[in-house]
Amino acid sequence: ANWRMSEPIRYPISDDLKRLMAGENETVFRILESRFCVTIQTRLPGLFIEAKEENSNIQATLTLLDQIKLAAQNGTPISGEWIRRLLEPQHEVLSSELENIPSEPILRNRYGFPVVPRTKNQYDLIKAVEKNDIIFAKGPAGTGKTFLAVALAVASLERHEAERICLVRPAVEAGESLGYLPGDLKEKIAPYLRPIHDSLAELLAPEKLKHYQEIGAIEVAPLAYMRGRTLKRAFIILDEAQNTTVAQMKMFLTRLGTHSKAIITGDASQVDLAKGTVSGLNHAIDLLQHIHGIAHVEFNGTDVLRHRLVKDIIAAYEKNAGQTK
């Protein structure tokens, strides 16, 4: 067989970069070796990649090494968990019914990886956004709701369908007044907006993100900023919507101007509002469900894409809740 005869391929990189790419105890290289049936020698300068058997995939290994190198140069901490997430074969995460869905990437993230729907509900969210202007996406943490919503918004901005993206969250845990927190308003709300910033940072290269923010094409703000504004040609995401009151939700939904879209995400099991306060999320879904142009996508535990343990943890809590009621 010819594959036995193949020479090892040298992949030139500096020792410093090799260390960054390898992850702890060279885990990253070990994962690539088992995934693509190759051996990666690291003793000499650079890397040497060799086919181990007939179904070795040297080309895929090199492509991945390029992606890892790029990410490492951009300061991304490379770890076994990171590379596993990257390699997560679509069919393992996808339910069988997704097998025949053509997953056209929404966009490519800053490392060049395609962002595609990984579960049936994620796919439904993408389709709902194509056909509706207001979409409620409800479900537990880790189901990719916010990340997917931000990806759809960024794609819309890059295609010049939207002129700007507004990402808003209610800063409820601090009380909307935010008066007693130290620092100016920007500092006070920063922790609440962190998850949205994290999603943006994964999708856009730093200089591009900075440029969009400087020209006002991407705005991340607390919900209170929306009063009295009308947003035209905008893609708006309201995250953590379970923490809006009915009045705040109405205020938000009526800000929508022409050619705008809004995705409202939230987890009804994590309401931080004062006892007895009705959450604007469920109220709005019930009230508006029959209006044409408004869609509702429900995520659940099977959509959890975080660490594989998160799914089991959610299931354990749900089971426990059933027993303790």
C-alpha atoms as a PDB file:
ATOM      1  CA  ALA A   1       0.000   0.000   0.000  1.00  0.00           C
ATOM      2  CA  ASN A   2       1.280   3.441  -0.937  1.00  0.00           C
ATOM      3  CA  TRP A   3       0.420   5.116   2.316  1.00  0.00           C
ATOM      4  CA  ARG A   4       3.189   3.214   4.071  1.00  0.00           C
ATOM      5  CA  MET A   5       5.724   4.792   1.770  1.00  0.00           C
ATOM      6  CA  SER A   6       4.689   8.374   2.510  1.00  0.00           C
ATOM      7  CA  GLU A   7       7.403  10.589   3.956  1.00  0.00           C
ATOM      8  CA  PRO A   8       6.716  12.455   7.205  1.00  0.00           C
ATOM      9  CA  ILE A   9       5.551  15.983   6.440  1.00  0.00           C
ATOM     10  CA  ARG A  10       7.325  18.808   8.220  1.00  0.00           C
ATOM     11  CA  TYR A  11       5.135  21.576   9.628  1.00  0.00           C
ATOM     12  CA  PRO A  12       7.432  24.511  10.423  1.00  0.00           C
ATOM     13  CA  ILE A  13       6.635  26.504  13.581  1.00  0.00           C
ATOM     14  CA  SER A  14       8.689  28.152  16.303  1.00  0.00           C
ATOM     15  CA  ASP A  15       9.139  26.356  19.621  1.00  0.00           C
ATOM     16  CA  ASP A  16       7.172  29.066  21.432  1.00  0.00           C
ATOM     17  CA  LEU A  17       4.201  28.638  19.126  1.00  0.00           C
ATOM     18  CA  LYS A  18       4.499  24.852  19.349  1.00  0.00           C
ATOM     19  CA  ARG A  19       4.144  25.106  23.140  1.00  0.00           C
ATOM     20  CA  LEU A  20       1.072  27.337  22.831  1.00  0.00           C
ATOM     21  CA  MET A  21      -0.548  25.011  20.298  1.00  0.00           C
ATOM     22  CA  ALA A  22       0.172  21.781  22.127  1.00  0.00           C
ATOM     23  CA  GLY A  23      -1.963  22.450  25.193  1.00  0.00           C
ATOM     24  CA  GLU A  24      -1.100  20.895  28.535  1.00  0.00           C
ATOM     25  CA  ASN A  25       0.977  17.680  28.138  1.00  0.00           C
ATOM     26  CA  GLU A  26       0.556  18.016  24.363  1.00  0.00           C
ATOM     27  CA  THR A  27      -3.121  17.001  24.701  1.00  0.00           C
ATOM     28  CA  VAL A  28      -4.062  18.883  21.546  1.00  0.00           C
ATOM     29  CA  PHE A  29      -1.601  16.896  19.419  1.00  0.00           C
ATOM     30  CA  ARG A  30      -2.734  13.619  21.027  1.00  0.00           C
ATOM     31  CA  ILE A  31      -6.360  14.413  20.156  1.00  0.00           C
ATOM     32  CA  LEU A  32      -5.417  15.187  16.534  1.00  0.00           C
ATOM     33  CA  GLU A  33      -3.415  11.960  16.347  1.00  0.00           C
ATOM     34  CA  SER A  34      -6.326   9.795  17.439  1.00  0.00           C
ATOM     35  CA  ARG A  35      -8.878  11.705  15.354  1.00  0.00           C
ATOM     36  CA  PHE A  36      -6.903  11.625  12.088  1.00  0.00           C
ATOM     37  CA  CYS A  37      -4.845   8.418  12.597  1.00  0.00           C
ATOM     38  CA  VAL A  38      -1.502  10.177  12.333  1.00  0.00           C
ATOM     39  CA  THR A  39       1.563  10.539  14.513  1.00  0.00           C
ATOM     40  CA  ILE A  40       2.820  14.012  15.376  1.00  0.00           C
ATOM     41  CA  GLN A  41       6.490  14.154  16.376  1.00  0.00           C
ATOM     42  CA  THR A  42       7.395  17.200  18.442  1.00  0.00           C
ATOM     43  CA  ARG A  43      11.020  16.555  19.448  1.00  0.00           C
ATOM     44  CA  LEU A  44      12.702  18.233  16.479  1.00  0.00           C
ATOM     45  CA  PRO A  45      12.167  21.862  15.418  1.00  0.00           C
ATOM     46  CA  GLY A  46       8.654  22.239  14.006  1.00  0.00           C
ATOM     47  CA  LEU A  47       6.298  19.252  13.834  1.00  0.00           C
ATOM     48  CA  PHE A  48       6.574  16.080  11.788  1.00  0.00           C
ATOM     49  CA  ILE A  49       3.323  14.480  10.739  1.00  0.00           C
ATOM     50  CA  GLU A  50       3.200  10.911   9.545  1.00  0.00           C
ATOM     51  CA  ALA A  51       0.388   8.685   8.280  1.00  0.00           C
ATOM     52  CA  LYS A  52      -0.252   5.698  10.508  1.00  0.00           C
ATOM     53  CA  GLU A  53      -2.695   3.673   8.428  1.00  0.00           C
ATOM     54  CA  GLU A  54      -4.769   3.725   5.277  1.00  0.00           C
ATOM     55  CA  ASN A  55      -7.470   6.036   6.602  1.00  0.00           C
ATOM     56  CA  SER A  56      -4.992   8.574   7.956  1.00  0.00           C
ATOM     57  CA  ASN A  57      -5.978  12.101   7.018  1.00  0.00           C
ATOM     58  CA  ILE A  58      -2.855  14.240   6.755  1.00  0.00           C
ATOM     59  CA  GLN A  59      -4.647  17.026   4.900  1.00  0.00           C
ATOM     60  CA  ALA A  60      -7.226  17.478   7.664  1.00  0.00           C
ATOM     61  CA  THR A  61      -4.426  17.467  10.256  1.00  0.00           C
ATOM     62  CA  LEU A  62      -2.580  20.259   8.423  1.00  0.00           C
ATOM     63  CA  THR A  63      -5.760  22.310   7.972  1.00  0.00           C
ATOM     64  CA  LEU A  64      -6.486  22.014  11.677  1.00  0.00           C
ATOM     65  CA  LEU A  65      -2.942  22.868  12.661  1.00  0.00           C
ATOM     66  CA  ASP A  66      -3.299  26.053  10.587  1.00  0.00           C
ATOM     67  CA  GLN A  67      -6.483  26.950  12.476  1.00  0.00           C
ATOM     68  CA  ILE A  68      -4.880  26.187  15.852  1.00  0.00           C
ATOM     69  CA  LYS A  69      -1.806  28.226  14.908  1.00  0.00           C
ATOM     70  CA  LEU A  70      -3.971  31.196  13.940  1.00  0.00           C
ATOM     71  CA  ALA A  71      -5.950  30.959  17.176  1.00  0.00           C
ATOM     72  CA  ALA A  72      -2.762  30.668  19.267  1.00  0.00           C
ATOM     73  CA  GLN A  73      -1.273  33.724  17.530  1.00  0.00           C
ATOM     74  CA  ASN A  74      -4.470  35.625  18.333  1.00  0.00           C
ATOM     75  CA  GLY A  75      -3.993  34.829  21.998  1.00  0.00           C
ATOM     76  CA  THR A  76      -6.675  32.165  22.349  1.00  0.00           C
ATOM     77  CA  PRO A  77      -5.796  29.732  25.155  1.00  0.00           C
ATOM     78  CA  ILE A  78      -5.578  26.366  23.394  1.00  0.00           C
ATOM     79  CA  SER A  79      -6.696  23.370  25.439  1.00  0.00           C
ATOM     80  CA  GLY A  80      -8.003  19.856  24.961  1.00  0.00           C
ATOM     81  CA  GLU A  81     -11.524  21.121  25.674  1.00  0.00           C
ATOM     82  CA  TRP A  82     -11.107  23.861  23.022  1.00  0.00           C
ATOM     83  CA  ILE A  83      -9.962  21.456  20.324  1.00  0.00           C
ATOM     84  CA  ARG A  84     -12.672  18.943  21.204  1.00  0.00           C
ATOM     85  CA  ARG A  85     -15.318  21.582  20.800  1.00  0.00           C
ATOM     86  CA  LEU A  86     -13.825  22.436  17.445  1.00  0.00           C
ATOM     87  CA  LEU A  87     -13.778  18.837  16.301  1.00  0.00           C
ATOM     88  CA  GLU A  88     -17.153  17.963  17.778  1.00  0.00           C
ATOM     89  CA  PRO A  89     -18.479  15.918  14.879  1.00  0.00           C
ATOM     90  CA  GLN A  90     -21.742  17.410  13.756  1.00  0.00           C
ATOM     91  CA  HIS A  91     -23.564  14.065  13.733  1.00  0.00           C
ATOM     92  CA  GLU A  92     -22.833  13.363  17.383  1.00  0.00           C
ATOM     93  CA  VAL A  93     -24.521  16.529  18.533  1.00  0.00           C
ATOM     94  CA  LEU A  94     -27.186  16.576  15.889  1.00  0.00           C
ATOM     95  CA  SER A  95     -30.308  14.564  16.333  1.00  0.00           C
ATOM     96  CA  SER A  96     -31.004  12.062  13.551  1.00  0.00           C
ATOM     97  CA  GLU A  97     -33.650  14.339  12.039  1.00  0.00           C
ATOM     98  CA  LEU A  98     -30.945  16.908  11.268  1.00  0.00           C
ATOM     99  CA  GLU A  99     -28.963  14.500   9.109  1.00  0.00           C
ATOM    100  CA  ASN A 100     -30.548  15.734   5.892  1.00  0.00           C
ATOM    101  CA  ILE A 101     -30.599  19.425   6.759  1.00  0.00           C
ATOM    102  CA  PRO A 102     -28.117  21.311   4.606  1.00  0.00           C
ATOM    103  CA  SER A 103     -26.268  23.354   7.175  1.00  0.00           C
ATOM    104  CA  GLU A 104     -25.253  26.431   5.294  1.00  0.00           C
ATOM    105  CA  PRO A 105     -22.872  28.255   7.691  1.00  0.00           C
ATOM    106  CA  ILE A 106     -24.421  31.382   9.204  1.00  0.00           C
ATOM    107  CA  LEU A 107     -20.971  32.945   9.001  1.00  0.00           C
ATOM    108  CA  ARG A 108     -17.369  32.065   9.768  1.00  0.00           C
ATOM    109  CA  ASN A 109     -16.015  32.979  13.182  1.00  0.00           C
ATOM    110  CA  ARG A 110     -12.783  34.901  13.694  1.00  0.00           C
ATOM    111  CA  TYR A 111     -10.750  31.699  13.332  1.00  0.00           C
ATOM    112  CA  GLY A 112     -12.403  30.825  10.045  1.00  0.00           C
ATOM    113  CA  PHE A 113     -14.575  28.051  11.446  1.00  0.00           C
ATOM    114  CA  PRO A 114     -18.128  27.878  10.119  1.00  0.00           C
ATOM    115  CA  VAL A 115     -20.899  28.571  12.616  1.00  0.00           C
ATOM    116  CA  VAL A 116     -23.664  26.075  11.829  1.00  0.00           C
ATOM    117  CA  PRO A 117     -26.771  24.889  13.662  1.00  0.00           C
ATOM    118  CA  ARG A 118     -25.918  21.896  15.810  1.00  0.00           C
ATOM    119  CA  THR A 119     -29.346  20.834  17.008  1.00  0.00           C
ATOM    120  CA  LYS A 120     -32.851  20.737  15.570  1.00  0.00           C
ATOM    121  CA  ASN A 121     -33.947  23.704  17.717  1.00  0.00           C
ATOM    122  CA  GLN A 122     -30.942  25.774  16.662  1.00  0.00           C
ATOM    123  CA  TYR A 123     -31.900  25.074  13.060  1.00  0.00           C
ATOM    124  CA  ASP A 124     -35.501  26.086  13.834  1.00  0.00           C
ATOM    125  CA  LEU A 125     -34.253  29.365  15.300  1.00  0.00           C
ATOM    126  CA  ILE A 126     -32.333  30.181  12.109  1.00  0.00           C
ATOM    127  CA  LYS A 127     -35.406  29.406   9.975  1.00  0.00           C
ATOM    128  CA  ALA A 128     -37.655  31.440  12.295  1.00  0.00           C
ATOM    129  CA  VAL A 129     -35.352  34.461  11.941  1.00  0.00           C
ATOM    130  CA  GLU A 130     -35.568  34.223   8.145  1.00  0.00           C
ATOM    131  CA  LYS A 131     -39.367  34.366   8.210  1.00  0.00           C
ATOM    132  CA  ASN A 132     -40.222  36.556  11.225  1.00  0.00           C
ATOM    133  CA  ASP A 133     -39.244  39.916  12.660  1.00  0.00           C
ATOM    134  CA  ILE A 134     -39.704  39.081  16.341  1.00  0.00           C
ATOM    135  CA  ILE A 135     -38.482  35.748  17.649  1.00  0.00           C
ATOM    136  CA  PHE A 136     -38.647  34.451  21.217  1.00  0.00           C
ATOM    137  CA  ALA A 137     -35.980  31.829  21.982  1.00  0.00           C
ATOM    138  CA  LYS A 138     -36.547  30.274  25.375  1.00  0.00           C
ATOM    139  CA  GLY A 139     -34.586  27.562  27.153  1.00  0.00           C
ATOM    140  CA  PRO A 140     -31.890  26.596  29.672  1.00  0.00           C
ATOM    141  CA  ALA A 141     -28.308  27.856  29.884  1.00  0.00           C
ATOM    142  CA  GLY A 142     -25.779  26.423  27.480  1.00  0.00           C
ATOM    143  CA  THR A 143     -28.171  25.716  24.611  1.00  0.00           C
ATOM    144  CA  GLY A 144     -26.397  28.213  22.365  1.00  0.00           C
ATOM    145  CA  LYS A 145     -29.373  30.622  22.215  1.00  0.00           C
ATOM    146  CA  THR A 146     -27.410  33.810  22.820  1.00  0.00           C
ATOM    147  CA  PHE A 147     -24.377  32.800  20.789  1.00  0.00           C
ATOM    148  CA  LEU A 148     -26.541  31.796  17.829  1.00  0.00           C
ATOM    149  CA  ALA A 149     -28.588  34.998  18.096  1.00  0.00           C
ATOM    150  CA  VAL A 150     -25.410  37.102  18.125  1.00  0.00           C
ATOM    151  CA  ALA A 151     -24.027  35.096  15.161  1.00  0.00           C
ATOM    152  CA  LEU A 152     -27.228  35.752  13.173  1.00  0.00           C
ATOM    153  CA  ALA A 153     -27.028  39.452  14.023  1.00  0.00           C
ATOM    154  CA  VAL A 154     -23.350  39.724  13.023  1.00  0.00           C
ATOM    155  CA  ALA A 155     -24.059  37.874   9.744  1.00  0.00           C
ATOM    156  CA  SER A 156     -26.892  40.301   9.019  1.00  0.00           C
ATOM    157  CA  LEU A 157     -24.561  43.260   9.644  1.00  0.00           C
ATOM    158  CA  GLU A 158     -21.796  41.775   7.467  1.00  0.00           C
ATOM    159  CA  ARG A 159     -24.277  41.224   4.624  1.00  0.00           C
ATOM    160  CA  HIS A 160     -25.446  44.874   5.007  1.00  0.00           C
ATOM    161  CA  GLU A 161     -29.016  43.765   5.721  1.00  0.00           C
ATOM    162  CA  ALA A 162     -28.904  45.526   9.074  1.00  0.00           C
ATOM    163  CA  GLU A 163     -27.087  48.799   9.608  1.00  0.00           C
ATOM    164  CA  ARG A 164     -26.487  48.136  13.268  1.00  0.00           C
ATOM    165  CA  ILE A 165     -26.760  45.568  16.015  1.00  0.00           C
ATOM    166  CA  CYS A 166     -28.073  46.425  19.464  1.00  0.00           C
ATOM    167  CA  LEU A 167     -27.440  43.885  22.185  1.00  0.00           C
ATOM    168  CA  VAL A 168     -29.321  44.597  25.376  1.00  0.00           C
ATOM    169  CA  ARG A 169     -29.809  42.951  28.754  1.00  0.00           C
ATOM    170  CA  PRO A 170     -31.789  43.984  31.803  1.00  0.00           C
ATOM    171  CA  ALA A 171     -29.319  44.770  34.589  1.00  0.00           C
ATOM    172  CA  VAL A 172     -31.819  43.472  37.087  1.00  0.00           C
ATOM    173  CA  GLU A 173     -29.617  41.863  39.724  1.00  0.00           C
ATOM    174  CA  ALA A 174     -28.305  45.328  40.480  1.00  0.00           C
ATOM    175  CA  GLY A 175     -31.734  46.889  40.346  1.00  0.00           C
ATOM    176  CA  GLU A 176     -32.326  48.952  37.209  1.00  0.00           C
ATOM    177  CA  SER A 177     -31.158  52.077  39.034  1.00  0.00           C
ATOM    178  CA  LEU A 178     -27.612  50.703  39.428  1.00  0.00           C
ATOM    179  CA  GLY A 179     -27.065  53.537  41.842  1.00  0.00           C
ATOM    180  CA  TYR A 180     -25.198  51.763  44.595  1.00  0.00           C
ATOM    181  CA  LEU A 181     -22.552  50.063  42.464  1.00  0.00           C
ATOM    182  CA  PRO A 182     -19.082  51.629  42.362  1.00  0.00           C
ATOM    183  CA  GLY A 183     -17.771  53.244  39.182  1.00  0.00           C
ATOM    184  CA  ASP A 184     -19.407  55.108  36.334  1.00  0.00           C
ATOM    185  CA  LEU A 185     -22.339  53.653  34.420  1.00  0.00           C
ATOM    186  CA  LYS A 186     -20.115  51.894  31.905  1.00  0.00           C
ATOM    187  CA  GLU A 187     -18.214  50.074  34.634  1.00  0.00           C
ATOM    188  CA  LYS A 188     -21.390  49.270  36.534  1.00  0.00           C
ATOM    189  CA  ILE A 189     -23.051  47.492  33.645  1.00  0.00           C
ATOM    190  CA  ALA A 190     -19.943  45.807  32.223  1.00  0.00           C
ATOM    191  CA  PRO A 191     -20.380  42.540  34.187  1.00  0.00           C
ATOM    192  CA  TYR A 192     -23.955  42.114  32.914  1.00  0.00           C
ATOM    193  CA  LEU A 193     -22.889  42.534  29.318  1.00  0.00           C
ATOM    194  CA  ARG A 194     -19.858  40.240  29.567  1.00  0.00           C
ATOM    195  CA  PRO A 195     -21.539  37.145  28.001  1.00  0.00           C
ATOM    196  CA  ILE A 196     -22.543  39.161  24.952  1.00  0.00           C
ATOM    197  CA  HIS A 197     -19.034  40.597  24.607  1.00  0.00           C
ATOM    198  CA  ASP A 198     -17.650  37.051  24.815  1.00  0.00           C
ATOM    199  CA  SER A 199     -19.858  35.922  21.934  1.00  0.00           C
ATOM    200  CA  LEU A 200     -18.848  38.917  19.832  1.00  0.00           C
ATOM    201  CA  ALA A 201     -15.165  38.312  20.567  1.00  0.00           C
ATOM    202  CA  GLU A 202     -15.448  34.748  19.289  1.00  0.00           C
ATOM    203  CA  LEU A 203     -17.173  35.858  16.086  1.00  0.00           C
ATOM    204  CA  LEU A 204     -15.224  38.944  15.062  1.00  0.00           C
ATOM    205  CA  ALA A 205     -11.518  39.723  14.904  1.00  0.00           C
ATOM    206  CA  PRO A 206     -10.580  42.337  17.574  1.00  0.00           C
ATOM    207  CA  GLU A 207      -9.848  45.161  15.123  1.00  0.00           C
ATOM    208  CA  LYS A 208     -13.088  44.565  13.219  1.00  0.00           C
ATOM    209  CA  LEU A 209     -15.144  44.495  16.422  1.00  0.00           C
ATOM    210  CA  LYS A 210     -13.462  47.707  17.614  1.00  0.00           C
ATOM    211  CA  HIS A 211     -14.194  49.395  14.271  1.00  0.00           C
ATOM    212  CA  TYR A 212     -17.874  48.383  14.363  1.00  0.00           C
ATOM    213  CA  GLN A 213     -18.192  49.658  17.929  1.00  0.00           C
ATOM    214  CA  GLU A 214     -16.456  52.946  17.123  1.00  0.00           C
ATOM    215  CA  ILE A 215     -18.772  53.709  14.194  1.00  0.00           C
ATOM    216  CA  GLY A 216     -21.780  52.705  16.326  1.00  0.00           C
ATOM    217  CA  ALA A 217     -22.655  49.657  14.213  1.00  0.00           C
ATOM    218  CA  ILE A 218     -22.490  47.427  17.289  1.00  0.00           C
ATOM    219  CA  GLU A 219     -23.902  48.665  20.543  1.00  0.00           C
ATOM    220  CA  VAL A 220     -24.056  46.703  23.787  1.00  0.00           C
ATOM    221  CA  ALA A 221     -26.221  48.396  26.402  1.00  0.00           C
ATOM    222  CA  PRO A 222     -28.517  47.840  29.367  1.00  0.00           C
ATOM    223  CA  LEU A 223     -32.225  47.669  28.580  1.00  0.00           C
ATOM    224  CA  ALA A 224     -32.888  50.991  30.332  1.00  0.00           C
ATOM    225  CA  TYR A 225     -31.062  52.713  27.428  1.00  0.00           C
ATOM    226  CA  MET A 226     -33.836  51.735  25.045  1.00  0.00           C
ATOM    227  CA  ARG A 227     -36.487  54.068  26.427  1.00  0.00           C
ATOM    228  CA  GLY A 228     -37.654  56.678  23.966  1.00  0.00           C
ATOM    229  CA  ARG A 229     -35.649  55.326  21.033  1.00  0.00           C
ATOM    230  CA  THR A 230     -36.847  53.887  17.757  1.00  0.00           C
ATOM    231  CA  LEU A 231     -34.483  51.516  16.036  1.00  0.00           C
ATOM    232  CA  LYS A 232     -34.597  51.368  12.251  1.00  0.00           C
ATOM    233  CA  ARG A 233     -32.695  48.849  10.106  1.00  0.00           C
ATOM    234  CA  ALA A 234     -31.391  47.280  13.293  1.00  0.00           C
ATOM    235  CA  PHE A 235     -30.937  43.739  14.523  1.00  0.00           C
ATOM    236  CA  ILE A 236     -31.722  43.771  18.229  1.00  0.00           C
ATOM    237  CA  ILE A 237     -31.119  41.036  20.751  1.00  0.00           C
ATOM    238  CA  LEU A 238     -32.665  41.143  24.188  1.00  0.00           C
ATOM    239  CA  ASP A 239     -30.807  38.602  26.305  1.00  0.00           C
ATOM    240  CA  GLU A 240     -31.857  37.271  29.742  1.00  0.00           C
ATOM    241  CA  ALA A 241     -35.377  38.441  28.952  1.00  0.00           C
ATOM    242  CA  GLN A 242     -36.859  36.448  31.841  1.00  0.00           C
ATOM    243  CA  ASN A 243     -35.623  39.333  34.018  1.00  0.00           C
ATOM    244  CA  THR A 244     -37.730  41.988  32.304  1.00  0.00           C
ATOM    245  CA  THR A 245     -40.981  43.141  33.843  1.00  0.00           C
ATOM    246  CA  VAL A 246     -44.106  43.220  31.693  1.00  0.00           C
ATOM    247  CA  ALA A 247     -43.728  47.011  31.305  1.00  0.00           C
ATOM    248  CA  GLN A 248     -40.075  46.738  30.266  1.00  0.00           C
ATOM    249  CA  MET A 249     -40.905  44.045  27.716  1.00  0.00           C
ATOM    250  CA  LYS A 250     -43.667  46.173  26.232  1.00  0.00           C
ATOM    251  CA  MET A 251     -41.299  49.162  26.130  1.00  0.00           C
ATOM    252  CA  PHE A 252     -38.684  47.046  24.338  1.00  0.00           C
ATOM    253  CA  LEU A 253     -41.041  45.481  21.789  1.00  0.00           C
ATOM    254  CA  THR A 254     -42.518  48.842  20.845  1.00  0.00           C
ATOM    255  CA  ARG A 255     -39.061  50.289  20.038  1.00  0.00           C
ATOM    256  CA  LEU A 256     -38.901  48.239  16.862  1.00  0.00           C
ATOM    257  CA  GLY A 257     -38.630  50.456  13.769  1.00  0.00           C
ATOM    258  CA  THR A 258     -38.923  49.651  10.072  1.00  0.00           C
ATOM    259  CA  HIS A 259     -36.724  46.873   8.623  1.00  0.00           C
ATOM    260  CA  SER A 260     -35.712  45.715  12.078  1.00  0.00           C
ATOM    261  CA  LYS A 261     -35.569  42.296  13.669  1.00  0.00           C
ATOM    262  CA  ALA A 262     -35.475  41.301  17.319  1.00  0.00           C
ATOM    263  CA  ILE A 263     -34.489  38.042  18.971  1.00  0.00           C
ATOM    264  CA  ILE A 264     -35.526  37.758  22.604  1.00  0.00           C
ATOM    265  CA  THR A 265     -33.740  35.049  24.572  1.00  0.00           C
ATOM    266  CA  GLY A 266     -34.270  33.877  28.117  1.00  0.00           C
ATOM    267  CA  ASP A 267     -34.503  31.022  30.560  1.00  0.00           C
ATOM    268  CA  ALA A 268     -37.790  30.944  32.466  1.00  0.00           C
ATOM    269  CA  SER A 269     -36.198  28.863  35.243  1.00  0.00           C
ATOM    270  CA  GLN A 270     -33.732  31.625  36.167  1.00  0.00           C
ATOM    271  CA  VAL A 271     -35.858  34.623  37.072  1.00  0.00           C
ATOM    272  CA  ASP A 272     -34.127  37.133  39.362  1.00  0.00           C
ATOM    273  CA  LEU A 273     -37.064  39.526  39.671  1.00  0.00           C
ATOM    274  CA  ALA A 274     -38.565  40.370  43.056  1.00  0.00           C
ATOM    275  CA  LYS A 275     -41.081  37.801  44.309  1.00  0.00           C
ATOM    276  CA  GLY A 276     -44.511  38.310  42.870  1.00  0.00           C
ATOM    277  CA  THR A 277     -43.254  40.279  39.852  1.00  0.00           C
ATOM    278  CA  VAL A 278     -44.492  38.736  36.609  1.00  0.00           C
ATOM    279  CA  SER A 279     -41.708  37.973  34.126  1.00  0.00           C
ATOM    280  CA  GLY A 280     -42.220  39.841  30.868  1.00  0.00           C
ATOM    281  CA  LEU A 281     -40.879  36.876  28.859  1.00  0.00           C
ATOM    282  CA  ASN A 282     -43.614  34.294  29.467  1.00  0.00           C
ATOM    283  CA  HIS A 283     -46.256  37.006  29.536  1.00  0.00           C
ATOM    284  CA  ALA A 284     -45.226  38.248  26.076  1.00  0.00           C
ATOM    285  CA  ILE A 285     -44.999  34.742  24.592  1.00  0.00           C
ATOM    286  CA  ASP A 286     -48.544  33.931  25.793  1.00  0.00           C
ATOM    287  CA  LEU A 287     -49.958  37.292  24.770  1.00  0.00           C
ATOM    288  CA  LEU A 288     -48.403  37.520  21.304  1.00  0.00           C
ATOM    289  CA  GLN A 289     -48.277  33.924  20.137  1.00  0.00           C
ATOM    290  CA  HIS A 290     -50.971  34.299  17.510  1.00  0.00           C
ATOM    291  CA  ILE A 291     -49.568  37.389  15.831  1.00  0.00           C
ATOM    292  CA  HIS A 292     -48.245  36.725  12.339  1.00  0.00           C
ATOM    293  CA  GLY A 293     -44.517  37.567  12.114  1.00  0.00           C
ATOM    294  CA  ILE A 294     -43.777  36.616  15.720  1.00  0.00           C
ATOM    295  CA  ALA A 295     -42.220  33.193  16.339  1.00  0.00           C
ATOM    296  CA  HIS A 296     -41.344  31.189  19.437  1.00  0.00           C
ATOM    297  CA  VAL A 297     -38.586  28.560  19.553  1.00  0.00           C
ATOM    298  CA  GLU A 298     -38.296  26.443  22.688  1.00  0.00           C
ATOM    299  CA  PHE A 299     -34.877  25.003  23.580  1.00  0.00           C
ATOM    300  CA  ASN A 300     -34.436  22.179  26.092  1.00  0.00           C
ATOM    301  CA  GLY A 301     -31.788  20.030  27.792  1.00  0.00           C
ATOM    302  CA  THR A 302     -31.001  18.088  24.615  1.00  0.00           C
ATOM    303  CA  ASP A 303     -29.674  21.310  23.088  1.00  0.00           C
ATOM    304  CA  VAL A 304     -27.042  21.893  25.752  1.00  0.00           C
ATOM    305  CA  LEU A 305     -23.719  22.304  23.973  1.00  0.00           C
ATOM    306  CA  ARG A 306     -21.463  23.197  26.861  1.00  0.00           C
ATOM    307  CA  HIS A 307     -19.277  20.658  28.603  1.00  0.00           C
ATOM    308  CA  ARG A 308     -20.846  17.188  28.284  1.00  0.00           C
ATOM    309  CA  LEU A 309     -21.376  17.212  32.084  1.00  0.00           C
ATOM    310  CA  VAL A 310     -23.678  20.247  31.923  1.00  0.00           C
ATOM    311  CA  LYS A 311     -26.376  18.151  30.228  1.00  0.00           C
ATOM    312  CA  ASP A 312     -26.212  15.552  33.014  1.00  0.00           C
ATOM    313  CA  ILE A 313     -26.249  18.243  35.697  1.00  0.00           C
ATOM    314  CA  ILE A 314     -29.371  19.876  34.218  1.00  0.00           C
ATOM    315  CA  ALA A 315     -31.091  16.480  34.024  1.00  0.00           C
ATOM    316  CA  ALA A 316     -30.227  15.723  37.674  1.00  0.00           C
ATOM    317  CA  TYR A 317     -31.666  19.045  38.844  1.00  0.00           C
ATOM    318  CA  GLU A 318     -34.826  18.558  36.789  1.00  0.00           C
ATOM    319  CA  LYS A 319     -35.307  15.096  38.269  1.00  0.00           C
ATOM    320  CA  ASN A 320     -34.747  16.487  41.753  1.00  0.00           C
ATOM    321  CA  ALA A 321     -37.218  19.314  41.175  1.00  0.00           C
ATOM    322  CA  GLY A 322     -39.831  16.691  40.308  1.00  0.00           C
ATOM    323  CA  GLN A 323     -39.208  14.939  43.637  1.00  0.00           C
ATOM    324  CA  THR A 324     -38.997  17.967  45.917  1.00  0.00           C
ATOM    325  CA  LYS A 325     -42.194  19.668  44.762  1.00  0.00           C
END
